[in-house]
Amino acid sequence: MTFRIGIISDTHGLLRPEAEQRLASVDHIVHAGDIGRPEIVDALRRIAPVTAIRGNVDRGEWAHEYPDTKLVRLAGKSIYVLHDLKTLQADPGAGIDVIVSGHSHLPKVDAAGGVLYLNPGSAGPRRFKLPITLATLEVTREGMRPEIHDLGGD
């Protein structure tokens, strides 16, 4: 059995149709902050259940419902979500399987100490010449398969 997690970050108020299409087949969505406006999470919830955290641009009353970090268990994996990896205070060796972060707008998949580090990059407005991306994480009996998806865009 495969459990598919869509991982998105730094939408900054823009949910691209390409992102919605790429997320259409996932079982759960994780948003790693800089949501931009509450309608983004509402739209994501129409696709799948959502775990979202607040990023540094998420201000105002609506943003108070989102925590700065979140530990969620999906498909038997412990996933710690925060916006800026530089602010990580959790002990990665404390049973955490995946650390999801955003903020840098740079997509990255890395592993260290038995922990998968995943930054989906930015799916919102293009910043400088950085790519517009999101990630998926497939969890199977054999393990985890992360993948970065380039959404193209302007």
N, C-alpha and C. Protein backbone atom coordinates (compact mmCIF):
# COMPACT_ATOMS: atom_id res chain seq x y z
N MET A 1 0.83 -1.19 0.00
CA MET A 1 0.00 0.00 0.00
C MET A 1 0.88 1.25 0.00
N THR A 2 0.53 2.21 -0.82
CA THR A 2 1.27 3.47 -0.92
C THR A 2 0.44 4.61 -0.37
N PHE A 3 1.07 5.41 0.49
CA PHE A 3 0.44 6.61 1.03
C PHE A 3 1.22 7.79 0.45
N ARG A 4 0.51 8.66 -0.26
CA ARG A 4 1.16 9.80 -0.93
C ARG A 4 0.90 11.10 -0.17
N ILE A 5 1.99 11.78 0.16
CA ILE A 5 1.92 13.06 0.87
C ILE A 5 2.39 14.16 -0.09
N GLY A 6 1.57 15.17 -0.26
CA GLY A 6 1.97 16.34 -1.04
C GLY A 6 2.57 17.36 -0.09
N ILE A 7 3.72 17.90 -0.46
CA ILE A 7 4.40 18.85 0.42
C ILE A 7 4.62 20.15 -0.37
N ILE A 8 4.09 21.22 0.20
CA ILE A 8 4.12 22.52 -0.48
C ILE A 8 4.54 23.58 0.53
N SER A 9 5.12 24.65 0.04
CA SER A 9 5.55 25.73 0.93
C SER A 9 5.62 27.03 0.15
N ASP A 10 5.65 28.11 0.90
CA ASP A 10 5.90 29.44 0.34
C ASP A 10 4.98 29.75 -0.85
N THR A 11 3.69 29.53 -0.63
CA THR A 11 2.71 29.88 -1.67
C THR A 11 2.49 31.39 -1.71
N HIS A 12 2.72 32.08 -0.61
CA HIS A 12 2.62 33.54 -0.55
C HIS A 12 1.32 34.04 -1.18
N GLY A 13 0.22 33.35 -0.90
CA GLY A 13 -1.09 33.79 -1.37
C GLY A 13 -1.45 33.33 -2.76
N LEU A 14 -0.61 32.53 -3.41
CA LEU A 14 -0.87 32.05 -4.77
C LEU A 14 -0.87 30.53 -4.82
N LEU A 15 -2.03 29.95 -5.15
CA LEU A 15 -2.10 28.51 -5.36
C LEU A 15 -2.27 28.29 -6.86
N ARG A 16 -1.20 27.89 -7.49
CA ARG A 16 -1.20 27.71 -8.93
C ARG A 16 -2.03 26.48 -9.35
N PRO A 17 -2.70 26.55 -10.49
CA PRO A 17 -3.44 25.39 -11.00
C PRO A 17 -2.52 24.17 -11.16
N GLU A 18 -1.26 24.41 -11.54
CA GLU A 18 -0.30 23.31 -11.69
C GLU A 18 -0.05 22.61 -10.36
N ALA A 19 -0.05 23.37 -9.28
CA ALA A 19 0.13 22.78 -7.95
C ALA A 19 -1.09 21.95 -7.58
N GLU A 20 -2.28 22.49 -7.83
CA GLU A 20 -3.50 21.74 -7.53
C GLU A 20 -3.55 20.43 -8.33
N GLN A 21 -3.16 20.49 -9.58
CA GLN A 21 -3.15 19.27 -10.41
C GLN A 21 -2.17 18.25 -9.87
N ARG A 22 -0.98 18.69 -9.49
CA ARG A 22 0.05 17.77 -8.99
C ARG A 22 -0.37 17.14 -7.66
N LEU A 23 -1.14 17.89 -6.87
CA LEU A 23 -1.58 17.40 -5.55
C LEU A 23 -2.86 16.57 -5.62
N ALA A 24 -3.50 16.54 -6.76
CA ALA A 24 -4.82 15.91 -6.88
C ALA A 24 -4.87 14.45 -6.43
N SER A 25 -3.77 13.74 -6.50
CA SER A 25 -3.79 12.31 -6.17
C SER A 25 -3.17 11.98 -4.81
N VAL A 26 -2.93 12.99 -3.98
CA VAL A 26 -2.30 12.71 -2.68
C VAL A 26 -3.33 12.38 -1.61
N ASP A 27 -2.85 11.72 -0.55
CA ASP A 27 -3.71 11.35 0.58
C ASP A 27 -3.71 12.40 1.67
N HIS A 28 -2.67 13.22 1.72
CA HIS A 28 -2.53 14.25 2.75
C HIS A 28 -1.62 15.33 2.19
N ILE A 29 -1.83 16.57 2.63
CA ILE A 29 -0.99 17.69 2.20
C ILE A 29 -0.36 18.34 3.42
N VAL A 30 0.93 18.63 3.31
CA VAL A 30 1.66 19.36 4.34
C VAL A 30 2.07 20.70 3.73
N HIS A 31 1.71 21.80 4.40
CA HIS A 31 2.13 23.13 3.96
C HIS A 31 3.11 23.66 5.00
N ALA A 32 4.34 23.93 4.55
CA ALA A 32 5.42 24.32 5.46
C ALA A 32 5.56 25.83 5.63
N GLY A 33 4.46 26.55 5.58
CA GLY A 33 4.47 27.96 5.95
C GLY A 33 4.63 28.95 4.82
N ASP A 34 4.46 30.22 5.17
CA ASP A 34 4.32 31.32 4.23
C ASP A 34 3.14 31.02 3.30
N ILE A 35 2.01 30.77 3.94
CA ILE A 35 0.76 30.46 3.25
C ILE A 35 0.30 31.68 2.47
N GLY A 36 0.28 32.83 3.13
CA GLY A 36 -0.07 34.08 2.47
C GLY A 36 -1.48 34.56 2.72
N ARG A 37 -2.44 33.65 2.67
CA ARG A 37 -3.83 34.00 2.97
C ARG A 37 -4.60 32.71 3.25
N PRO A 38 -5.66 32.78 4.07
CA PRO A 38 -6.35 31.57 4.52
C PRO A 38 -7.02 30.78 3.40
N GLU A 39 -7.38 31.43 2.32
CA GLU A 39 -8.04 30.73 1.22
C GLU A 39 -7.16 29.65 0.60
N ILE A 40 -5.85 29.77 0.75
CA ILE A 40 -4.93 28.76 0.22
C ILE A 40 -5.17 27.42 0.91
N VAL A 41 -5.23 27.43 2.23
CA VAL A 41 -5.45 26.18 2.97
C VAL A 41 -6.86 25.66 2.70
N ASP A 42 -7.84 26.54 2.58
CA ASP A 42 -9.20 26.12 2.24
C ASP A 42 -9.21 25.35 0.92
N ALA A 43 -8.51 25.87 -0.07
CA ALA A 43 -8.46 25.22 -1.39
C ALA A 43 -7.73 23.88 -1.29
N LEU A 44 -6.65 23.82 -0.52
CA LEU A 44 -5.92 22.57 -0.35
C LEU A 44 -6.78 21.52 0.35
N ARG A 45 -7.59 21.95 1.30
CA ARG A 45 -8.46 21.02 2.03
C ARG A 45 -9.53 20.39 1.12
N ARG A 46 -9.83 21.04 0.00
CA ARG A 46 -10.76 20.45 -0.96
C ARG A 46 -10.11 19.28 -1.71
N ILE A 47 -8.79 19.21 -1.64
CA ILE A 47 -8.04 18.13 -2.30
C ILE A 47 -7.82 16.96 -1.34
N ALA A 48 -7.34 17.27 -0.14
CA ALA A 48 -6.98 16.24 0.85
C ALA A 48 -6.88 16.91 2.22
N PRO A 49 -6.84 16.10 3.29
CA PRO A 49 -6.60 16.68 4.62
C PRO A 49 -5.26 17.43 4.62
N VAL A 50 -5.19 18.51 5.43
CA VAL A 50 -4.02 19.39 5.42
C VAL A 50 -3.45 19.54 6.82
N THR A 51 -2.12 19.47 6.90
CA THR A 51 -1.37 19.90 8.07
C THR A 51 -0.60 21.14 7.62
N ALA A 52 -0.82 22.27 8.28
CA ALA A 52 -0.16 23.51 7.88
C ALA A 52 0.42 24.22 9.10
N ILE A 53 1.54 24.88 8.88
CA ILE A 53 2.15 25.69 9.92
C ILE A 53 2.30 27.12 9.40
N ARG A 54 2.56 28.02 10.31
CA ARG A 54 2.69 29.44 9.99
C ARG A 54 4.14 29.74 9.61
N GLY A 55 4.31 30.58 8.60
CA GLY A 55 5.64 31.06 8.22
C GLY A 55 5.82 32.51 8.62
N ASN A 56 6.96 33.07 8.31
CA ASN A 56 7.27 34.43 8.75
C ASN A 56 6.42 35.50 8.08
N VAL A 57 5.79 35.23 6.93
CA VAL A 57 4.92 36.24 6.32
C VAL A 57 3.46 36.06 6.71
N ASP A 58 3.15 35.01 7.45
CA ASP A 58 1.77 34.74 7.84
C ASP A 58 1.44 35.54 9.10
N ARG A 59 0.73 36.64 8.88
CA ARG A 59 0.39 37.56 9.96
C ARG A 59 -1.11 37.80 9.95
N GLY A 60 -1.60 38.35 11.01
CA GLY A 60 -3.03 38.65 11.09
C GLY A 60 -3.77 37.58 11.87
N GLU A 61 -5.03 37.87 12.14
CA GLU A 61 -5.85 36.97 12.95
C GLU A 61 -5.92 35.56 12.38
N TRP A 62 -6.09 35.45 11.07
CA TRP A 62 -6.25 34.12 10.46
C TRP A 62 -5.05 33.22 10.73
N ALA A 63 -3.86 33.79 10.82
CA ALA A 63 -2.64 33.00 10.95
C ALA A 63 -2.47 32.41 12.35
N HIS A 64 -3.20 32.93 13.33
CA HIS A 64 -3.05 32.43 14.71
C HIS A 64 -3.51 31.00 14.87
N GLU A 65 -4.33 30.50 13.94
CA GLU A 65 -4.79 29.11 14.07
C GLU A 65 -3.71 28.11 13.68
N TYR A 66 -2.62 28.60 13.08
CA TYR A 66 -1.54 27.71 12.65
C TYR A 66 -0.35 27.82 13.60
N PRO A 67 0.19 26.68 14.03
CA PRO A 67 1.35 26.72 14.93
C PRO A 67 2.63 27.03 14.16
N ASP A 68 3.69 27.35 14.89
CA ASP A 68 5.00 27.59 14.28
C ASP A 68 5.65 26.29 13.82
N THR A 69 5.36 25.21 14.54
CA THR A 69 5.88 23.88 14.19
C THR A 69 4.78 22.87 14.45
N LYS A 70 4.92 21.70 13.86
CA LYS A 70 3.92 20.65 14.07
C LYS A 70 4.59 19.30 13.88
N LEU A 71 4.31 18.38 14.77
CA LEU A 71 4.75 17.00 14.64
C LEU A 71 3.51 16.20 14.28
N VAL A 72 3.54 15.55 13.12
CA VAL A 72 2.39 14.80 12.65
C VAL A 72 2.84 13.38 12.30
N ARG A 73 1.95 12.43 12.52
CA ARG A 73 2.25 11.04 12.17
C ARG A 73 1.37 10.65 11.00
N LEU A 74 2.01 10.29 9.89
CA LEU A 74 1.30 9.89 8.68
C LEU A 74 1.90 8.59 8.16
N ALA A 75 1.06 7.64 7.87
CA ALA A 75 1.50 6.35 7.31
C ALA A 75 2.61 5.72 8.14
N GLY A 76 2.53 5.88 9.45
CA GLY A 76 3.51 5.28 10.35
C GLY A 76 4.82 6.04 10.45
N LYS A 77 4.92 7.20 9.81
CA LYS A 77 6.14 8.01 9.86
C LYS A 77 5.90 9.27 10.69
N SER A 78 6.89 9.64 11.46
CA SER A 78 6.84 10.84 12.27
C SER A 78 7.44 11.99 11.47
N ILE A 79 6.63 13.00 11.19
CA ILE A 79 7.04 14.11 10.33
C ILE A 79 6.98 15.42 11.12
N TYR A 80 8.12 16.08 11.22
CA TYR A 80 8.21 17.35 11.94
C TYR A 80 8.24 18.47 10.90
N VAL A 81 7.33 19.42 11.04
CA VAL A 81 7.19 20.50 10.06
C VAL A 81 7.53 21.82 10.73
N LEU A 82 8.42 22.58 10.09
CA LEU A 82 8.74 23.92 10.54
C LEU A 82 9.03 24.76 9.30
N HIS A 83 9.03 26.07 9.44
CA HIS A 83 9.21 26.90 8.26
C HIS A 83 10.68 27.06 7.88
N ASP A 84 11.50 27.46 8.83
CA ASP A 84 12.91 27.75 8.55
C ASP A 84 13.78 26.71 9.26
N LEU A 85 14.46 25.88 8.49
CA LEU A 85 15.28 24.82 9.06
C LEU A 85 16.33 25.35 10.04
N LYS A 86 16.76 26.60 9.84
CA LYS A 86 17.77 27.19 10.73
C LYS A 86 17.25 27.37 12.15
N THR A 87 15.93 27.31 12.34
CA THR A 87 15.34 27.47 13.67
C THR A 87 15.00 26.13 14.32
N LEU A 88 15.44 25.03 13.72
CA LEU A 88 15.14 23.70 14.25
C LEU A 88 15.64 23.55 15.68
N GLN A 89 14.71 23.22 16.58
CA GLN A 89 15.07 22.98 17.98
C GLN A 89 14.77 21.56 18.40
N ALA A 90 14.01 20.83 17.59
CA ALA A 90 13.70 19.44 17.90
C ALA A 90 14.95 18.58 17.72
N ASP A 91 15.01 17.50 18.45
CA ASP A 91 16.12 16.56 18.34
C ASP A 91 15.80 15.58 17.21
N PRO A 92 16.50 15.69 16.07
CA PRO A 92 16.20 14.80 14.95
C PRO A 92 16.35 13.32 15.30
N GLY A 93 17.13 13.01 16.32
CA GLY A 93 17.32 11.62 16.71
C GLY A 93 16.22 11.10 17.61
N ALA A 94 15.23 11.92 17.90
CA ALA A 94 14.17 11.54 18.84
C ALA A 94 12.97 10.90 18.14
N GLY A 95 13.24 9.96 17.26
CA GLY A 95 12.16 9.24 16.60
C GLY A 95 11.52 9.97 15.44
N ILE A 96 12.14 11.02 14.94
CA ILE A 96 11.60 11.75 13.80
C ILE A 96 12.14 11.11 12.52
N ASP A 97 11.22 10.80 11.61
CA ASP A 97 11.61 10.18 10.34
C ASP A 97 11.88 11.22 9.25
N VAL A 98 11.08 12.31 9.25
CA VAL A 98 11.17 13.32 8.20
C VAL A 98 11.09 14.70 8.82
N ILE A 99 11.94 15.61 8.36
CA ILE A 99 11.85 17.01 8.73
C ILE A 99 11.53 17.79 7.46
N VAL A 100 10.38 18.45 7.47
CA VAL A 100 9.92 19.26 6.33
C VAL A 100 10.09 20.72 6.69
N SER A 101 10.72 21.47 5.79
CA SER A 101 10.88 22.90 6.00
C SER A 101 10.66 23.62 4.68
N GLY A 102 10.56 24.95 4.75
CA GLY A 102 10.41 25.78 3.57
C GLY A 102 11.37 26.94 3.68
N HIS A 103 10.86 28.15 3.49
CA HIS A 103 11.54 29.43 3.72
C HIS A 103 12.60 29.80 2.68
N SER A 104 13.49 28.89 2.35
CA SER A 104 14.61 29.24 1.47
C SER A 104 14.20 29.35 0.00
N HIS A 105 13.04 28.81 -0.35
CA HIS A 105 12.57 28.74 -1.74
C HIS A 105 13.43 27.81 -2.59
N LEU A 106 14.37 27.12 -1.99
CA LEU A 106 15.24 26.19 -2.70
C LEU A 106 14.81 24.75 -2.41
N PRO A 107 14.37 24.02 -3.44
CA PRO A 107 14.00 22.63 -3.21
C PRO A 107 15.23 21.79 -2.86
N LYS A 108 15.06 20.89 -1.89
CA LYS A 108 16.19 20.08 -1.47
C LYS A 108 15.72 18.81 -0.79
N VAL A 109 16.38 17.72 -1.13
CA VAL A 109 16.15 16.43 -0.47
C VAL A 109 17.51 15.98 0.04
N ASP A 110 17.56 15.66 1.33
CA ASP A 110 18.82 15.26 1.94
C ASP A 110 18.50 14.26 3.04
N ALA A 111 19.49 13.50 3.44
CA ALA A 111 19.33 12.57 4.55
C ALA A 111 20.55 12.66 5.44
N ALA A 112 20.32 12.61 6.74
CA ALA A 112 21.42 12.64 7.71
C ALA A 112 20.94 11.96 8.98
N GLY A 113 21.74 11.09 9.48
CA GLY A 113 21.42 10.42 10.74
C GLY A 113 20.12 9.64 10.70
N GLY A 114 19.79 9.10 9.57
CA GLY A 114 18.55 8.33 9.44
C GLY A 114 17.30 9.18 9.30
N VAL A 115 17.46 10.49 9.14
CA VAL A 115 16.33 11.42 9.01
C VAL A 115 16.33 11.98 7.59
N LEU A 116 15.15 12.00 6.96
CA LEU A 116 14.99 12.61 5.65
C LEU A 116 14.66 14.08 5.84
N TYR A 117 15.43 14.96 5.21
CA TYR A 117 15.19 16.39 5.24
C TYR A 117 14.61 16.77 3.88
N LEU A 118 13.45 17.42 3.89
CA LEU A 118 12.77 17.72 2.64
C LEU A 118 12.28 19.17 2.64
N ASN A 119 12.75 19.92 1.66
CA ASN A 119 12.27 21.28 1.42
C ASN A 119 11.66 21.27 0.03
N PRO A 120 10.35 21.50 -0.08
CA PRO A 120 9.70 21.42 -1.39
C PRO A 120 9.99 22.61 -2.29
N GLY A 121 10.69 23.61 -1.79
CA GLY A 121 10.90 24.84 -2.55
C GLY A 121 9.67 25.71 -2.47
N SER A 122 9.54 26.64 -3.39
CA SER A 122 8.41 27.58 -3.37
C SER A 122 7.45 27.29 -4.50
N ALA A 123 6.15 27.24 -4.17
CA ALA A 123 5.12 27.02 -5.18
C ALA A 123 4.38 28.31 -5.50
N GLY A 124 4.77 29.41 -4.88
CA GLY A 124 4.09 30.68 -5.07
C GLY A 124 4.71 31.52 -6.16
N PRO A 125 4.63 32.84 -6.02
CA PRO A 125 5.20 33.73 -7.03
C PRO A 125 6.71 33.48 -7.17
N ARG A 126 7.20 33.56 -8.40
CA ARG A 126 8.63 33.33 -8.63
C ARG A 126 9.45 34.38 -7.90
N ARG A 127 10.52 33.93 -7.30
CA ARG A 127 11.45 34.80 -6.59
C ARG A 127 12.80 34.68 -7.27
N PHE A 128 13.31 35.78 -7.75
CA PHE A 128 14.58 35.79 -8.48
C PHE A 128 14.47 34.80 -9.64
N LYS A 129 15.43 33.91 -9.78
CA LYS A 129 15.37 32.92 -10.86
C LYS A 129 15.17 31.52 -10.30
N LEU A 130 14.66 31.43 -9.06
CA LEU A 130 14.48 30.14 -8.43
C LEU A 130 13.31 29.38 -9.07
N PRO A 131 13.38 28.05 -9.08
CA PRO A 131 12.30 27.28 -9.69
C PRO A 131 11.02 27.33 -8.86
N ILE A 132 9.91 27.02 -9.49
CA ILE A 132 8.62 26.92 -8.82
C ILE A 132 8.34 25.43 -8.66
N THR A 133 8.32 24.98 -7.41
CA THR A 133 8.29 23.54 -7.15
C THR A 133 7.41 23.18 -5.96
N LEU A 134 7.09 21.91 -5.89
CA LEU A 134 6.54 21.29 -4.69
C LEU A 134 7.10 19.88 -4.66
N ALA A 135 6.76 19.13 -3.62
CA ALA A 135 7.30 17.78 -3.49
C ALA A 135 6.19 16.80 -3.18
N THR A 136 6.47 15.54 -3.46
CA THR A 136 5.62 14.46 -2.98
C THR A 136 6.52 13.49 -2.23
N LEU A 137 5.91 12.82 -1.29
CA LEU A 137 6.61 11.79 -0.53
C LEU A 137 5.73 10.55 -0.52
N GLU A 138 6.19 9.52 -1.17
CA GLU A 138 5.46 8.25 -1.17
C GLU A 138 6.01 7.38 -0.06
N VAL A 139 5.11 6.89 0.79
CA VAL A 139 5.49 6.00 1.87
C VAL A 139 4.93 4.63 1.54
N THR A 140 5.83 3.65 1.41
CA THR A 140 5.44 2.27 1.10
C THR A 140 6.05 1.35 2.15
N ARG A 141 5.75 0.08 2.04
CA ARG A 141 6.36 -0.90 2.95
C ARG A 141 7.88 -0.92 2.79
N GLU A 142 8.33 -0.62 1.59
CA GLU A 142 9.77 -0.66 1.30
C GLU A 142 10.51 0.57 1.80
N GLY A 143 9.79 1.65 2.07
CA GLY A 143 10.45 2.86 2.55
C GLY A 143 9.77 4.12 2.05
N MET A 144 10.55 5.19 1.96
CA MET A 144 10.01 6.49 1.54
C MET A 144 10.68 6.91 0.23
N ARG A 145 9.87 7.49 -0.65
CA ARG A 145 10.40 7.96 -1.93
C ARG A 145 10.00 9.42 -2.13
N PRO A 146 10.93 10.35 -1.84
CA PRO A 146 10.64 11.78 -2.05
C PRO A 146 10.90 12.16 -3.51
N GLU A 147 10.15 13.14 -4.00
CA GLU A 147 10.36 13.63 -5.36
C GLU A 147 9.99 15.11 -5.42
N ILE A 148 10.87 15.89 -6.05
CA ILE A 148 10.61 17.31 -6.28
C ILE A 148 9.98 17.43 -7.67
N HIS A 149 8.93 18.24 -7.77
CA HIS A 149 8.22 18.43 -9.03
C HIS A 149 8.32 19.90 -9.44
N ASP A 150 8.85 20.14 -10.63
CA ASP A 150 8.95 21.49 -11.17
C ASP A 150 7.59 21.84 -11.79
N LEU A 151 7.01 22.94 -11.36
CA LEU A 151 5.68 23.34 -11.85
C LEU A 151 5.75 24.28 -13.04
N GLY A 152 6.96 24.63 -13.46
CA GLY A 152 7.10 25.57 -14.57
C GLY A 152 6.61 26.94 -14.13
N GLY A 153 5.69 27.49 -14.85
CA GLY A 153 5.09 28.77 -14.44
C GLY A 153 5.91 29.95 -14.92
N ASP A 154 5.34 31.16 -14.63
CA ASP A 154 5.98 32.39 -15.13
C ASP A 154 7.18 32.79 -14.32
